Amino acid sequence: GFQSFVEVGDQVEAGQKLLEFDLQQMK
């Protein structure tokens, strides 16, 4: 239920997508 869009060492900007996660799977 987790999908990452970055890796260690990446430089990211404010508002850039880092991660998606499934709330229903947690529930």
PDB file of all heavy atoms in Angstrom:
ATOM      1  N   GLY A   1       0.798  -1.215   0.000  1.00  0.00           N
ATOM      2  CA  GLY A   1       0.000   0.000   0.000  1.00  0.00           C
ATOM      3  C   GLY A   1       0.831   1.266   0.000  1.00  0.00           C
ATOM      4  O   GLY A   1       0.279   2.366   0.008  1.00  0.00           O
ATOM      5  N   PHE A   2       2.169   1.155  -0.028  1.00  0.00           N
ATOM      6  CA  PHE A   2       3.054   2.317  -0.041  1.00  0.00           C
ATOM      7  C   PHE A   2       3.834   2.366  -1.359  1.00  0.00           C
ATOM      8  O   PHE A   2       4.329   1.344  -1.834  1.00  0.00           O
ATOM      9  CB  PHE A   2       4.045   2.268   1.124  1.00  0.00           C
ATOM     10  CG  PHE A   2       3.414   2.488   2.460  1.00  0.00           C
ATOM     11  CD1 PHE A   2       2.865   1.434   3.177  1.00  0.00           C
ATOM     12  CD2 PHE A   2       3.361   3.760   3.010  1.00  0.00           C
ATOM     13  CE1 PHE A   2       2.271   1.638   4.405  1.00  0.00           C
ATOM     14  CE2 PHE A   2       2.778   3.970   4.241  1.00  0.00           C
ATOM     15  CZ  PHE A   2       2.225   2.913   4.943  1.00  0.00           C
ATOM     16  N   GLN A   3       3.953   3.557  -1.928  1.00  0.00           N
ATOM     17  CA  GLN A   3       4.759   3.760  -3.133  1.00  0.00           C
ATOM     18  C   GLN A   3       5.587   5.021  -2.967  1.00  0.00           C
ATOM     19  O   GLN A   3       5.045   6.115  -2.765  1.00  0.00           O
ATOM     20  CB  GLN A   3       3.866   3.884  -4.376  1.00  0.00           C
ATOM     21  CG  GLN A   3       4.658   4.061  -5.656  1.00  0.00           C
ATOM     22  CD  GLN A   3       3.777   4.194  -6.881  1.00  0.00           C
ATOM     23  OE1 GLN A   3       2.550   4.198  -6.773  1.00  0.00           O
ATOM     24  NE2 GLN A   3       4.382   4.300  -8.050  1.00  0.00           N
ATOM     25  N   SER A   4       6.899   4.860  -3.031  1.00  0.00           N
ATOM     26  CA  SER A   4       7.798   5.995  -2.859  1.00  0.00           C
ATOM     27  C   SER A   4       8.233   6.533  -4.217  1.00  0.00           C
ATOM     28  O   SER A   4       8.456   5.765  -5.156  1.00  0.00           O
ATOM     29  CB  SER A   4       9.032   5.574  -2.054  1.00  0.00           C
ATOM     30  OG  SER A   4       9.965   6.634  -1.984  1.00  0.00           O
ATOM     31  N   PHE A   5       8.369   7.870  -4.293  1.00  0.00           N
ATOM     32  CA  PHE A   5       8.785   8.519  -5.539  1.00  0.00           C
ATOM     33  C   PHE A   5      10.170   9.152  -5.418  1.00  0.00           C
ATOM     34  O   PHE A   5      10.598   9.871  -6.308  1.00  0.00           O
ATOM     35  CB  PHE A   5       7.757   9.590  -5.925  1.00  0.00           C
ATOM     36  CG  PHE A   5       6.382   9.026  -6.200  1.00  0.00           C
ATOM     37  CD1 PHE A   5       5.424   9.012  -5.203  1.00  0.00           C
ATOM     38  CD2 PHE A   5       6.076   8.470  -7.433  1.00  0.00           C
ATOM     39  CE1 PHE A   5       4.168   8.494  -5.441  1.00  0.00           C
ATOM     40  CE2 PHE A   5       4.812   7.938  -7.676  1.00  0.00           C
ATOM     41  CZ  PHE A   5       3.852   7.941  -6.682  1.00  0.00           C
ATOM     42  N   VAL A   6      10.838   8.913  -4.285  1.00  0.00           N
ATOM     43  CA  VAL A   6      12.163   9.493  -4.068  1.00  0.00           C
ATOM     44  C   VAL A   6      13.087   8.443  -3.473  1.00  0.00           C
ATOM     45  O   VAL A   6      12.636   7.411  -2.967  1.00  0.00           O
ATOM     46  CB  VAL A   6      12.095  10.717  -3.127  1.00  0.00           C
ATOM     47  CG1 VAL A   6      11.362  11.861  -3.783  1.00  0.00           C
ATOM     48  CG2 VAL A   6      11.450  10.338  -1.783  1.00  0.00           C
ATOM     49  N   GLU A   7      14.390   8.735  -3.524  1.00  0.00           N
ATOM     50  CA  GLU A   7      15.402   7.882  -2.928  1.00  0.00           C
ATOM     51  C   GLU A   7      16.305   8.721  -2.040  1.00  0.00           C
ATOM     52  O   GLU A   7      16.333   9.955  -2.142  1.00  0.00           O
ATOM     53  CB  GLU A   7      16.232   7.196  -4.019  1.00  0.00           C
ATOM     54  CG  GLU A   7      15.434   6.252  -4.911  1.00  0.00           C
ATOM     55  CD  GLU A   7      16.310   5.623  -5.982  1.00  0.00           C
ATOM     56  OE1 GLU A   7      17.495   6.036  -6.086  1.00  0.00           O
ATOM     57  OE2 GLU A   7      15.810   4.749  -6.706  1.00  0.00           O
ATOM     58  N   VAL A   8      17.048   8.050  -1.165  1.00  0.00           N
ATOM     59  CA  VAL A   8      17.991   8.753  -0.302  1.00  0.00           C
ATOM     60  C   VAL A   8      18.986   9.528  -1.160  1.00  0.00           C
ATOM     61  O   VAL A   8      19.538   9.000  -2.132  1.00  0.00           O
ATOM     62  CB  VAL A   8      18.725   7.768   0.625  1.00  0.00           C
ATOM     63  CG1 VAL A   8      19.823   8.475   1.405  1.00  0.00           C
ATOM     64  CG2 VAL A   8      17.746   7.117   1.588  1.00  0.00           C
ATOM     65  N   GLY A   9      19.211  10.781  -0.802  1.00  0.00           N
ATOM     66  CA  GLY A   9      20.131  11.631  -1.540  1.00  0.00           C
ATOM     67  C   GLY A   9      19.453  12.562  -2.522  1.00  0.00           C
ATOM     68  O   GLY A   9      20.073  13.520  -3.008  1.00  0.00           O
ATOM     69  N   ASP A  10      18.181  12.316  -2.839  1.00  0.00           N
ATOM     70  CA  ASP A  10      17.450  13.184  -3.761  1.00  0.00           C
ATOM     71  C   ASP A  10      17.255  14.569  -3.154  1.00  0.00           C
ATOM     72  O   ASP A  10      17.030  14.712  -1.938  1.00  0.00           O
ATOM     73  CB  ASP A  10      16.083  12.591  -4.097  1.00  0.00           C
ATOM     74  CG  ASP A  10      16.173  11.403  -5.044  1.00  0.00           C
ATOM     75  OD1 ASP A  10      17.292  11.116  -5.501  1.00  0.00           O
ATOM     76  OD2 ASP A  10      15.132  10.767  -5.301  1.00  0.00           O
ATOM     77  N   GLN A  11      17.321  15.599  -3.996  1.00  0.00           N
ATOM     78  CA  GLN A  11      16.980  16.953  -3.600  1.00  0.00           C
ATOM     79  C   GLN A  11      15.535  17.212  -4.039  1.00  0.00           C
ATOM     80  O   GLN A  11      15.204  17.005  -5.211  1.00  0.00           O
ATOM     81  CB  GLN A  11      17.922  17.968  -4.251  1.00  0.00           C
ATOM     82  CG  GLN A  11      19.388  17.775  -3.904  1.00  0.00           C
ATOM     83  CD  GLN A  11      19.686  18.078  -2.451  1.00  0.00           C
ATOM     84  OE1 GLN A  11      19.085  18.965  -1.854  1.00  0.00           O
ATOM     85  NE2 GLN A  11      20.641  17.345  -1.884  1.00  0.00           N
ATOM     86  N   VAL A  12      14.688  17.648  -3.116  1.00  0.00           N
ATOM     87  CA  VAL A  12      13.270  17.829  -3.438  1.00  0.00           C
ATOM     88  C   VAL A  12      12.854  19.267  -3.161  1.00  0.00           C
ATOM     89  O   VAL A  12      13.443  19.958  -2.318  1.00  0.00           O
ATOM     90  CB  VAL A  12      12.385  16.857  -2.620  1.00  0.00           C
ATOM     91  CG1 VAL A  12      12.670  15.420  -3.008  1.00  0.00           C
ATOM     92  CG2 VAL A  12      12.593  17.047  -1.115  1.00  0.00           C
ATOM     93  N   GLU A  13      11.840  19.709  -3.877  1.00  0.00           N
ATOM     94  CA  GLU A  13      11.283  21.034  -3.701  1.00  0.00           C
ATOM     95  C   GLU A  13      10.036  20.957  -2.824  1.00  0.00           C
ATOM     96  O   GLU A  13       9.385  19.905  -2.730  1.00  0.00           O
ATOM     97  CB  GLU A  13      10.917  21.641  -5.061  1.00  0.00           C
ATOM     98  CG  GLU A  13      12.095  21.843  -5.996  1.00  0.00           C
ATOM     99  CD  GLU A  13      13.065  22.902  -5.487  1.00  0.00           C
ATOM    100  OE1 GLU A  13      12.607  23.863  -4.821  1.00  0.00           O
ATOM    101  OE2 GLU A  13      14.277  22.774  -5.761  1.00  0.00           O
ATOM    102  N   ALA A  14       9.683  22.066  -2.195  1.00  0.00           N
ATOM    103  CA  ALA A  14       8.449  22.117  -1.402  1.00  0.00           C
ATOM    104  C   ALA A  14       7.263  21.792  -2.286  1.00  0.00           C
ATOM    105  O   ALA A  14       7.125  22.328  -3.391  1.00  0.00           O
ATOM    106  CB  ALA A  14       8.284  23.497  -0.771  1.00  0.00           C
ATOM    107  N   GLY A  15       6.400  20.895  -1.826  1.00  0.00           N
ATOM    108  CA  GLY A  15       5.219  20.506  -2.587  1.00  0.00           C
ATOM    109  C   GLY A  15       5.434  19.332  -3.517  1.00  0.00           C
ATOM    110  O   GLY A  15       4.477  18.836  -4.126  1.00  0.00           O
ATOM    111  N   GLN A  16       6.672  18.841  -3.624  1.00  0.00           N
ATOM    112  CA  GLN A  16       6.948  17.697  -4.494  1.00  0.00           C
ATOM    113  C   GLN A  16       6.422  16.414  -3.853  1.00  0.00           C
ATOM    114  O   GLN A  16       6.549  16.201  -2.647  1.00  0.00           O
ATOM    115  CB  GLN A  16       8.448  17.581  -4.737  1.00  0.00           C
ATOM    116  CG  GLN A  16       8.856  16.431  -5.646  1.00  0.00           C
ATOM    117  CD  GLN A  16      10.349  16.435  -5.920  1.00  0.00           C
ATOM    118  OE1 GLN A  16      11.009  17.479  -5.858  1.00  0.00           O
ATOM    119  NE2 GLN A  16      10.906  15.271  -6.232  1.00  0.00           N
ATOM    120  N   LYS A  17       5.839  15.539  -4.690  1.00  0.00           N
ATOM    121  CA  LYS A  17       5.288  14.296  -4.156  1.00  0.00           C
ATOM    122  C   LYS A  17       6.413  13.362  -3.711  1.00  0.00           C
ATOM    123  O   LYS A  17       7.346  13.071  -4.454  1.00  0.00           O
ATOM    124  CB  LYS A  17       4.427  13.589  -5.199  1.00  0.00           C
ATOM    125  CG  LYS A  17       3.715  12.333  -4.649  1.00  0.00           C
ATOM    126  CD  LYS A  17       3.040  11.530  -5.739  1.00  0.00           C
ATOM    127  CE  LYS A  17       1.850  12.261  -6.332  1.00  0.00           C
ATOM    128  NZ  LYS A  17       1.115  11.392  -7.283  1.00  0.00           N
ATOM    129  N   LEU A  18       6.298  12.889  -2.462  1.00  0.00           N
ATOM    130  CA  LEU A  18       7.286  11.969  -1.902  1.00  0.00           C
ATOM    131  C   LEU A  18       6.779  10.537  -1.835  1.00  0.00           C
ATOM    132  O   LEU A  18       7.537   9.587  -2.030  1.00  0.00           O
ATOM    133  CB  LEU A  18       7.679  12.414  -0.486  1.00  0.00           C
ATOM    134  CG  LEU A  18       8.221  13.835  -0.296  1.00  0.00           C
ATOM    135  CD1 LEU A  18       8.501  14.082   1.172  1.00  0.00           C
ATOM    136  CD2 LEU A  18       9.458  14.059  -1.132  1.00  0.00           C
ATOM    137  N   LEU A  19       5.491  10.411  -1.556  1.00  0.00           N
ATOM    138  CA  LEU A  19       4.967   9.093  -1.197  1.00  0.00           C
ATOM    139  C   LEU A  19       3.469   9.046  -1.429  1.00  0.00           C
ATOM    140  O   LEU A  19       2.776  10.051  -1.269  1.00  0.00           O
ATOM    141  CB  LEU A  19       5.263   8.827   0.294  1.00  0.00           C
ATOM    142  CG  LEU A  19       4.949   7.460   0.886  1.00  0.00           C
ATOM    143  CD1 LEU A  19       5.950   6.439   0.373  1.00  0.00           C
ATOM    144  CD2 LEU A  19       5.030   7.525   2.414  1.00  0.00           C
ATOM    145  N   GLU A  20       2.978   7.883  -1.828  1.00  0.00           N
ATOM    146  CA  GLU A  20       1.545   7.611  -1.827  1.00  0.00           C
ATOM    147  C   GLU A  20       1.296   6.414  -0.917  1.00  0.00           C
ATOM    148  O   GLU A  20       2.111   5.487  -0.854  1.00  0.00           O
ATOM    149  CB  GLU A  20       1.029   7.313  -3.239  1.00  0.00           C
ATOM    150  CG  GLU A  20       0.937   8.545  -4.125  1.00  0.00           C
ATOM    151  CD  GLU A  20       0.290   8.237  -5.474  1.00  0.00           C
ATOM    152  OE1 GLU A  20      -0.025   7.047  -5.722  1.00  0.00           O
ATOM    153  OE2 GLU A  20       0.107   9.178  -6.264  1.00  0.00           O
ATOM    154  N   PHE A  21       0.174   6.429  -0.195  1.00  0.00           N
ATOM    155  CA  PHE A  21      -0.134   5.327   0.710  1.00  0.00           C
ATOM    156  C   PHE A  21      -1.637   5.071   0.705  1.00  0.00           C
ATOM    157  O   PHE A  21      -2.448   5.973   0.463  1.00  0.00           O
ATOM    158  CB  PHE A  21       0.360   5.607   2.135  1.00  0.00           C
ATOM    159  CG  PHE A  21      -0.055   6.946   2.689  1.00  0.00           C
ATOM    160  CD1 PHE A  21      -1.186   7.077   3.469  1.00  0.00           C
ATOM    161  CD2 PHE A  21       0.701   8.081   2.419  1.00  0.00           C
ATOM    162  CE1 PHE A  21      -1.556   8.300   3.989  1.00  0.00           C
ATOM    163  CE2 PHE A  21       0.332   9.316   2.939  1.00  0.00           C
ATOM    164  CZ  PHE A  21      -0.797   9.429   3.723  1.00  0.00           C
ATOM    165  N   ASP A  22      -1.999   3.825   0.960  1.00  0.00           N
ATOM    166  CA  ASP A  22      -3.388   3.377   0.868  1.00  0.00           C
ATOM    167  C   ASP A  22      -4.040   3.430   2.255  1.00  0.00           C
ATOM    168  O   ASP A  22      -3.794   2.563   3.102  1.00  0.00           O
ATOM    169  CB  ASP A  22      -3.430   1.950   0.314  1.00  0.00           C
ATOM    170  CG  ASP A  22      -4.845   1.496  -0.035  1.00  0.00           C
ATOM    171  OD1 ASP A  22      -5.809   2.110   0.477  1.00  0.00           O
ATOM    172  OD2 ASP A  22      -4.987   0.543  -0.806  1.00  0.00           O
ATOM    173  N   LEU A  23      -4.883   4.436   2.481  1.00  0.00           N
ATOM    174  CA  LEU A  23      -5.561   4.569   3.774  1.00  0.00           C
ATOM    175  C   LEU A  23      -6.513   3.412   4.039  1.00  0.00           C
ATOM    176  O   LEU A  23      -6.682   2.980   5.181  1.00  0.00           O
ATOM    177  CB  LEU A  23      -6.317   5.895   3.827  1.00  0.00           C
ATOM    178  CG  LEU A  23      -5.467   7.162   3.981  1.00  0.00           C
ATOM    179  CD1 LEU A  23      -6.313   8.397   3.767  1.00  0.00           C
ATOM    180  CD2 LEU A  23      -4.820   7.198   5.354  1.00  0.00           C
ATOM    181  N   GLN A  24      -7.155   2.918   2.992  1.00  0.00           N
ATOM    182  CA  GLN A  24      -8.102   1.815   3.171  1.00  0.00           C
ATOM    183  C   GLN A  24      -7.392   0.551   3.644  1.00  0.00           C
ATOM    184  O   GLN A  24      -7.936  -0.218   4.429  1.00  0.00           O
ATOM    185  CB  GLN A  24      -8.854   1.548   1.857  1.00  0.00           C
ATOM    186  CG  GLN A  24      -9.791   2.671   1.448  1.00  0.00           C
ATOM    187  CD  GLN A  24     -10.829   2.955   2.526  1.00  0.00           C
ATOM    188  OE1 GLN A  24     -11.421   2.046   3.108  1.00  0.00           O
ATOM    189  NE2 GLN A  24     -11.059   4.241   2.797  1.00  0.00           N
ATOM    190  N   GLN A  25      -6.178   0.329   3.156  1.00  0.00           N
ATOM    191  CA  GLN A  25      -5.429  -0.852   3.579  1.00  0.00           C
ATOM    192  C   GLN A  25      -5.048  -0.741   5.052  1.00  0.00           C
ATOM    193  O   GLN A  25      -5.073  -1.732   5.794  1.00  0.00           O
ATOM    194  CB  GLN A  25      -4.169  -1.007   2.724  1.00  0.00           C
ATOM    195  CG  GLN A  25      -3.480  -2.353   2.917  1.00  0.00           C
ATOM    196  CD  GLN A  25      -2.735  -2.791   1.670  1.00  0.00           C
ATOM    197  OE1 GLN A  25      -2.700  -2.088   0.682  1.00  0.00           O
ATOM    198  NE2 GLN A  25      -2.150  -3.974   1.702  1.00  0.00           N
ATOM    199  N   MET A  26      -4.708   0.477   5.499  1.00  0.00           N
ATOM    200  CA  MET A  26      -4.429   0.679   6.925  1.00  0.00           C
ATOM    201  C   MET A  26      -5.676   0.398   7.751  1.00  0.00           C
ATOM    202  O   MET A  26      -5.626  -0.258   8.795  1.00  0.00           O
ATOM    203  CB  MET A  26      -3.970   2.124   7.168  1.00  0.00           C
ATOM    204  CG  MET A  26      -2.606   2.462   6.642  1.00  0.00           C
ATOM    205  SD  MET A  26      -2.148   4.130   7.180  1.00  0.00           S
ATOM    206  CE  MET A  26      -0.973   4.542   5.899  1.00  0.00           C
ATOM    207  N   LYS A  27      -6.816   0.933   7.275  1.00  0.00           N
ATOM    208  CA  LYS A  27      -8.067   0.742   8.004  1.00  0.00           C
ATOM    209  C   LYS A  27      -8.429  -0.723   8.100  1.00  0.00           C
ATOM    210  O   LYS A  27      -8.871  -1.212   9.146  1.00  0.00           O
ATOM    211  CB  LYS A  27      -9.185   1.533   7.314  1.00  0.00           C
ATOM    212  CG  LYS A  27     -10.500   1.525   8.058  1.00  0.00           C
ATOM    213  CD  LYS A  27     -11.528   2.399   7.347  1.00  0.00           C
ATOM    214  CE  LYS A  27     -12.853   2.402   8.103  1.00  0.00           C
ATOM    215  NZ  LYS A  27     -13.876   3.243   7.408  1.00  0.00           N
TER     216      LYS A  27
END
